[in-house]
C-alpha atoms as a PDB file:
ATOM      1  CA  MET A   1       0.154 -29.383   1.670  1.00  0.00           C
ATOM      2  CA  SER A   2      -1.498 -29.293   4.504  1.00  0.00           C
ATOM      3  CA  LEU A   3      -2.403 -26.404   7.228  1.00  0.00           C
ATOM      4  CA  SER A   4      -2.071 -26.450  10.838  1.00  0.00           C
ATOM      5  CA  PRO A   5      -4.686 -25.040  13.022  1.00  0.00           C
ATOM      6  CA  ALA A   6      -2.528 -22.437  14.002  1.00  0.00           C
ATOM      7  CA  THR A   7      -2.420 -20.890  10.741  1.00  0.00           C
ATOM      8  CA  VAL A   8      -5.745 -21.330   9.886  1.00  0.00           C
ATOM      9  CA  ALA A   9      -6.349 -19.461  13.540  1.00  0.00           C
ATOM     10  CA  ALA A  10      -3.828 -16.846  12.613  1.00  0.00           C
ATOM     11  CA  ILE A  11      -5.514 -16.230   8.988  1.00  0.00           C
ATOM     12  CA  VAL A  12      -8.901 -16.089  10.362  1.00  0.00           C
ATOM     13  CA  ALA A  13      -8.314 -13.871  13.226  1.00  0.00           C
ATOM     14  CA  MET A  14      -6.168 -11.937  10.913  1.00  0.00           C
ATOM     15  CA  ALA A  15      -9.804 -11.714   8.730  1.00  0.00           C
ATOM     16  CA  LEU A  16     -11.647 -10.880  11.254  1.00  0.00           C
ATOM     17  CA  ALA A  17      -9.143  -7.933  12.319  1.00  0.00           C
ATOM     18  CA  THR A  18      -9.271  -6.509   8.970  1.00  0.00           C
ATOM     19  CA  TYR A  19     -13.041  -7.047   8.823  1.00  0.00           C
ATOM     20  CA  GLY A  20     -13.393  -5.168  12.212  1.00  0.00           C
ATOM     21  CA  CYS A  21     -11.475  -1.886  11.224  1.00  0.00           C
ATOM     22  CA  ARG A  22     -13.403  -1.488   8.057  1.00  0.00           C
ATOM     23  CA  ALA A  23     -16.556  -2.386   9.410  1.00  0.00           C
ATOM     24  CA  GLY A  24     -15.621   0.023  12.559  1.00  0.00           C
ATOM     25  CA  GLY A  25     -15.031   2.746  10.599  1.00  0.00           C
ATOM     26  CA  TYR A  26     -18.292   2.584   8.294  1.00  0.00           C
ATOM     27  CA  LEU A  27     -20.048   1.954  11.623  1.00  0.00           C
ATOM     28  CA  VAL A  28     -18.490   5.266  13.221  1.00  0.00           C
ATOM     29  CA  PHE A  29     -18.961   7.147  10.227  1.00  0.00           C
ATOM     30  CA  THR A  30     -22.742   6.574  10.167  1.00  0.00           C
ATOM     31  CA  ARG A  31     -22.970   7.856  13.702  1.00  0.00           C
ATOM     32  CA  ILE A  32     -21.057  11.157  13.737  1.00  0.00           C
ATOM     33  CA  ARG A  33     -20.868  13.863  10.704  1.00  0.00           C
ATOM     34  CA  PRO A  34     -16.932  15.164  10.305  1.00  0.00           C
ATOM     35  CA  THR A  35     -16.736  18.878  10.598  1.00  0.00           C
ATOM     36  CA  PRO A  36     -14.895  20.185   7.148  1.00  0.00           C
ATOM     37  CA  PHE A  37     -11.873  20.187   8.907  1.00  0.00           C
ATOM     38  CA  LEU A  38     -11.958  16.487  10.014  1.00  0.00           C
ATOM     39  CA  ARG A  39     -12.885  15.650   5.884  1.00  0.00           C
ATOM     40  CA  ALA A  40      -9.605  17.751   5.180  1.00  0.00           C
ATOM     41  CA  VAL A  41      -7.376  16.243   7.235  1.00  0.00           C
ATOM     42  CA  LEU A  42      -9.104  12.410   6.053  1.00  0.00           C
ATOM     43  CA  THR A  43      -8.143  13.230   2.804  1.00  0.00           C
ATOM     44  CA  TYR A  44      -4.716  13.010   3.419  1.00  0.00           C
ATOM     45  CA  ILE A  45      -4.426   9.804   5.374  1.00  0.00           C
ATOM     46  CA  PRO A  46      -4.053   7.186   1.956  1.00  0.00           C
ATOM     47  CA  GLY A  47      -1.392   9.294   0.974  1.00  0.00           C
ATOM     48  CA  GLY A  48       0.605   9.147   4.313  1.00  0.00           C
ATOM     49  CA  ILE A  49       0.043   5.448   4.792  1.00  0.00           C
ATOM     50  CA  PHE A  50       1.569   4.764   1.606  1.00  0.00           C
ATOM     51  CA  MET A  51       4.624   6.806   2.288  1.00  0.00           C
ATOM     52  CA  SER A  52       4.855   5.100   5.532  1.00  0.00           C
ATOM     53  CA  TYR A  53       5.339   1.757   3.400  1.00  0.00           C
ATOM     54  CA  VAL A  54       7.097   3.157   0.550  1.00  0.00           C
ATOM     55  CA  THR A  55      10.084   5.481   2.280  1.00  0.00           C
ATOM     56  CA  PRO A  56      11.837   2.590   4.547  1.00  0.00           C
ATOM     57  CA  ALA A  57      11.700   0.619   1.685  1.00  0.00           C
ATOM     58  CA  LEU A  58      13.477   3.476  -0.499  1.00  0.00           C
ATOM     59  CA  VAL A  59      15.794   3.930   2.628  1.00  0.00           C
ATOM     60  CA  HIS A  60      16.990   0.415   2.932  1.00  0.00           C
ATOM     61  CA  GLY A  61      16.274  -1.071  -0.502  1.00  0.00           C
ATOM     62  CA  GLY A  62      19.459   0.741  -2.485  1.00  0.00           C
ATOM     63  CA  LEU A  63      19.538   0.946  -6.317  1.00  0.00           C
ATOM     64  CA  PRO A  64      16.969  -1.533  -7.485  1.00  0.00           C
ATOM     65  CA  SER A  65      14.593   0.153  -5.181  1.00  0.00           C
ATOM     66  CA  TRP A  66      15.183   3.787  -6.718  1.00  0.00           C
ATOM     67  CA  VAL A  67      14.999   2.893 -10.141  1.00  0.00           C
ATOM     68  CA  GLY A  68      12.353   0.886  -9.916  1.00  0.00           C
ATOM     69  CA  ALA A  69      10.639   4.166  -7.923  1.00  0.00           C
ATOM     70  CA  ALA A  70      11.611   6.020 -10.721  1.00  0.00           C
ATOM     71  CA  VAL A  71      10.512   4.198 -13.530  1.00  0.00           C
ATOM     72  CA  THR A  72       7.199   4.047 -11.414  1.00  0.00           C
ATOM     73  CA  VAL A  73       6.340   7.726 -11.246  1.00  0.00           C
ATOM     74  CA  GLY A  74       7.672   8.078 -14.942  1.00  0.00           C
ATOM     75  CA  ALA A  75       5.461   5.895 -16.402  1.00  0.00           C
ATOM     76  CA  MET A  76       2.664   6.867 -14.302  1.00  0.00           C
ATOM     77  CA  ALA A  77       3.135  10.603 -15.437  1.00  0.00           C
ATOM     78  CA  ALA A  78       3.651   9.436 -18.884  1.00  0.00           C
ATOM     79  CA  THR A  79       0.503   7.388 -18.867  1.00  0.00           C
ATOM     80  CA  ARG A  80      -1.690   8.239 -15.781  1.00  0.00           C
ATOM     81  CA  ASN A  81      -2.618   4.523 -15.478  1.00  0.00           C
ATOM     82  CA  LEU A  82      -2.133   3.051 -12.384  1.00  0.00           C
ATOM     83  CA  ALA A  83      -1.469  -0.570 -13.339  1.00  0.00           C
ATOM     84  CA  VAL A  84       1.092   0.315 -16.164  1.00  0.00           C
ATOM     85  CA  GLY A  85       3.317   2.367 -13.342  1.00  0.00           C
ATOM     86  CA  ILE A  86       3.380  -0.591 -11.227  1.00  0.00           C
ATOM     87  CA  PHE A  87       4.020  -3.172 -13.656  1.00  0.00           C
ATOM     88  CA  LEU A  88       7.251  -1.455 -15.209  1.00  0.00           C
ATOM     89  CA  GLY A  89       8.387  -0.491 -11.604  1.00  0.00           C
ATOM     90  CA  THR A  90       8.405  -3.808 -10.458  1.00  0.00           C
ATOM     91  CA  ALA A  91      10.041  -4.710 -14.004  1.00  0.00           C
ATOM     92  CA  ALA A  92      12.528  -2.075 -14.103  1.00  0.00           C
ATOM     93  CA  THR A  93      12.958  -3.446 -10.160  1.00  0.00           C
ATOM     94  CA  TRP A  94      13.690  -6.967 -11.004  1.00  0.00           C
ATOM     95  CA  ALA A  95      15.795  -5.981 -13.600  1.00  0.00           C
ATOM     96  CA  VAL A  96      18.167  -3.877 -11.665  1.00  0.00           C
ATOM     97  CA  TRP A  97      18.363  -6.894  -8.935  1.00  0.00           C
ATOM     98  CA  GLY A  98      19.123  -9.342 -11.536  1.00  0.00           C
ATOM     99  CA  LEU A  99      21.796  -6.917 -13.232  1.00  0.00           C
ATOM    100  CA  TRP A 100      23.005  -6.090  -9.979  1.00  0.00           C
END
């Protein structure tokens, strides 16, 4: 298997863009001091980003996605372990897809 130059260029460009976003955020916050309000707002961003990925998948995923989400939430509530929740939710989704 060989990689085309366009594929390698795309991978390098995506890596640089990702690094630039992360480094840029660190650079900005070393130069400014966020207000307490801004700090409070920034604490909600990871959850908002997560929901922006999960919601469309649940809306369009049908029964397998809903079962997987329910199992994930249940496993997380029972074990408080992220890895267990992800594993069991993924396994439940695959099982429903296989039976569906």
